[in-house]
Amino acid sequence: MTTALRREALTVAQLYDQPPLMPLWPTFGQAICGMSESTTYQLAAEDRLPIETVRMGRKRYVRTADVLAWLHLPTTSETPAVAPAEASDEHDQNASQQIGA
């Protein structure tokens, strides 16, 4: 009796920690799409995956940026920069009026 190894789904944080090219199997096929190995490679061979695959030798990869875009997650270059909030002069005047200064 054989037991199939089941890879858990990736969290968003784990997706962002992936290298620029992630393995087609098991990272993309199983952990993200929940497909079997044969289905993943069959769809890749038929060019029916939702994102383009990259072949390096005999191995296939997908671009992490393409996966993030497919999942509608911002890439690091699209993430808005959050600046610390600064109090305006108007805010300072309103606060001093409320205190009675």
Protein backbone atom coordinates (compact mmCIF):
# COMPACT_ATOMS: atom_id res chain seq x y z
CA MET A 1 0.00 0.00 0.00
CA THR A 2 1.44 3.35 -1.01
CA THR A 3 0.65 6.60 0.68
CA ALA A 4 0.57 9.73 -1.39
CA LEU A 5 2.31 12.71 0.10
CA ARG A 6 -0.10 15.61 0.32
CA ARG A 7 1.48 19.04 0.27
CA GLU A 8 -0.40 21.70 2.19
CA ALA A 9 -1.57 24.85 0.42
CA LEU A 10 0.78 27.80 0.55
CA THR A 11 -0.02 30.88 2.57
CA VAL A 12 0.26 34.33 1.02
CA ALA A 13 3.45 34.93 3.01
CA GLN A 14 4.92 31.69 1.64
CA LEU A 15 3.99 32.77 -1.89
CA TYR A 16 5.94 35.99 -1.46
CA ASP A 17 8.93 33.99 -0.16
CA GLN A 18 9.16 31.90 -3.35
CA PRO A 19 12.12 32.37 -5.69
CA PRO A 20 11.48 34.15 -9.02
CA LEU A 21 10.86 30.77 -10.68
CA MET A 22 8.86 28.22 -8.70
CA PRO A 23 8.72 24.54 -9.63
CA LEU A 24 5.68 23.55 -11.68
CA TRP A 25 5.32 20.49 -9.46
CA PRO A 26 4.64 20.31 -6.53
CA THR A 27 4.72 24.01 -5.64
CA PHE A 28 2.37 25.33 -8.34
CA GLY A 29 0.44 22.24 -9.37
CA GLN A 30 -0.26 20.72 -6.00
CA ALA A 31 0.17 23.42 -3.34
CA ILE A 32 -1.52 26.23 -5.27
CA CYS A 33 -3.89 24.54 -7.73
CA GLY A 34 -4.54 21.27 -5.87
CA MET A 35 -3.93 19.14 -8.98
CA SER A 36 -2.25 15.80 -9.31
CA GLU A 37 1.21 15.56 -10.83
CA SER A 38 -0.01 13.91 -14.03
CA THR A 39 -2.76 16.50 -14.52
CA THR A 40 -0.34 19.37 -13.92
CA TYR A 41 2.17 18.10 -16.48
CA GLN A 42 -0.56 17.15 -18.97
CA LEU A 43 -2.07 20.65 -18.85
CA ALA A 44 1.40 22.18 -19.17
CA ALA A 45 2.15 20.01 -22.21
CA GLU A 46 -1.16 21.09 -23.80
CA ASP A 47 -0.45 24.74 -22.91
CA ARG A 48 -3.71 24.86 -20.92
CA LEU A 49 -2.43 26.20 -17.60
CA PRO A 50 -3.57 29.69 -16.60
CA ILE A 51 0.03 30.94 -16.71
CA GLU A 52 3.02 30.34 -18.95
CA THR A 53 5.56 27.67 -18.03
CA VAL A 54 9.32 28.04 -18.43
CA ARG A 55 11.34 25.01 -19.41
CA MET A 56 14.92 24.65 -18.16
CA GLY A 57 16.37 21.39 -19.33
CA ARG A 58 13.85 18.72 -18.40
CA LYS A 59 12.28 20.74 -15.57
CA ARG A 60 9.37 23.14 -15.82
CA TYR A 61 8.84 26.26 -13.77
CA VAL A 62 6.36 29.11 -13.51
CA ARG A 63 7.22 32.74 -12.79
CA THR A 64 6.29 33.72 -9.26
CA ALA A 65 5.24 37.19 -10.49
CA ASP A 66 2.82 35.52 -12.95
CA VAL A 67 1.36 33.39 -10.15
CA LEU A 68 0.88 36.46 -7.93
CA ALA A 69 -0.81 38.31 -10.80
CA TRP A 70 -3.04 35.30 -11.54
CA LEU A 71 -4.08 35.22 -7.88
CA HIS A 72 -4.67 39.01 -7.99
CA LEU A 73 -1.98 39.63 -5.37
CA PRO A 74 0.26 42.68 -5.69
CA THR A 75 3.85 42.10 -6.64
CA THR A 76 6.46 43.85 -4.53
CA SER A 77 6.85 46.62 -7.10
CA GLU A 78 3.07 47.24 -6.99
CA THR A 79 2.82 47.29 -3.19
CA PRO A 80 2.03 50.84 -2.12
CA ALA A 81 4.64 52.42 0.12
CA VAL A 82 3.18 53.34 3.47
CA ALA A 83 4.63 56.50 4.91
CA PRO A 84 4.28 57.24 8.61
CA ALA A 85 1.39 59.56 9.36
CA GLU A 86 2.43 63.13 10.04
CA ALA A 87 0.31 65.66 11.87
CA SER A 88 -0.49 68.70 9.79
CA ASP A 89 -0.36 72.27 11.10
CA GLU A 90 -4.15 72.41 10.87
CA HIS A 91 -4.40 69.32 13.04
CA ASP A 92 -2.06 70.90 15.62
CA GLN A 93 -4.18 74.09 15.73
CA ASN A 94 -7.42 72.12 16.18
CA ALA A 95 -5.90 70.03 18.95
CA SER A 96 -4.64 73.08 20.85
CA GLN A 97 -8.07 74.76 20.55
CA GLN A 98 -9.78 71.68 21.99
CA ILE A 99 -7.34 71.55 24.91
CA GLY A 100 -7.85 75.25 25.58
CA ALA A 101 -4.31 76.37 25.01
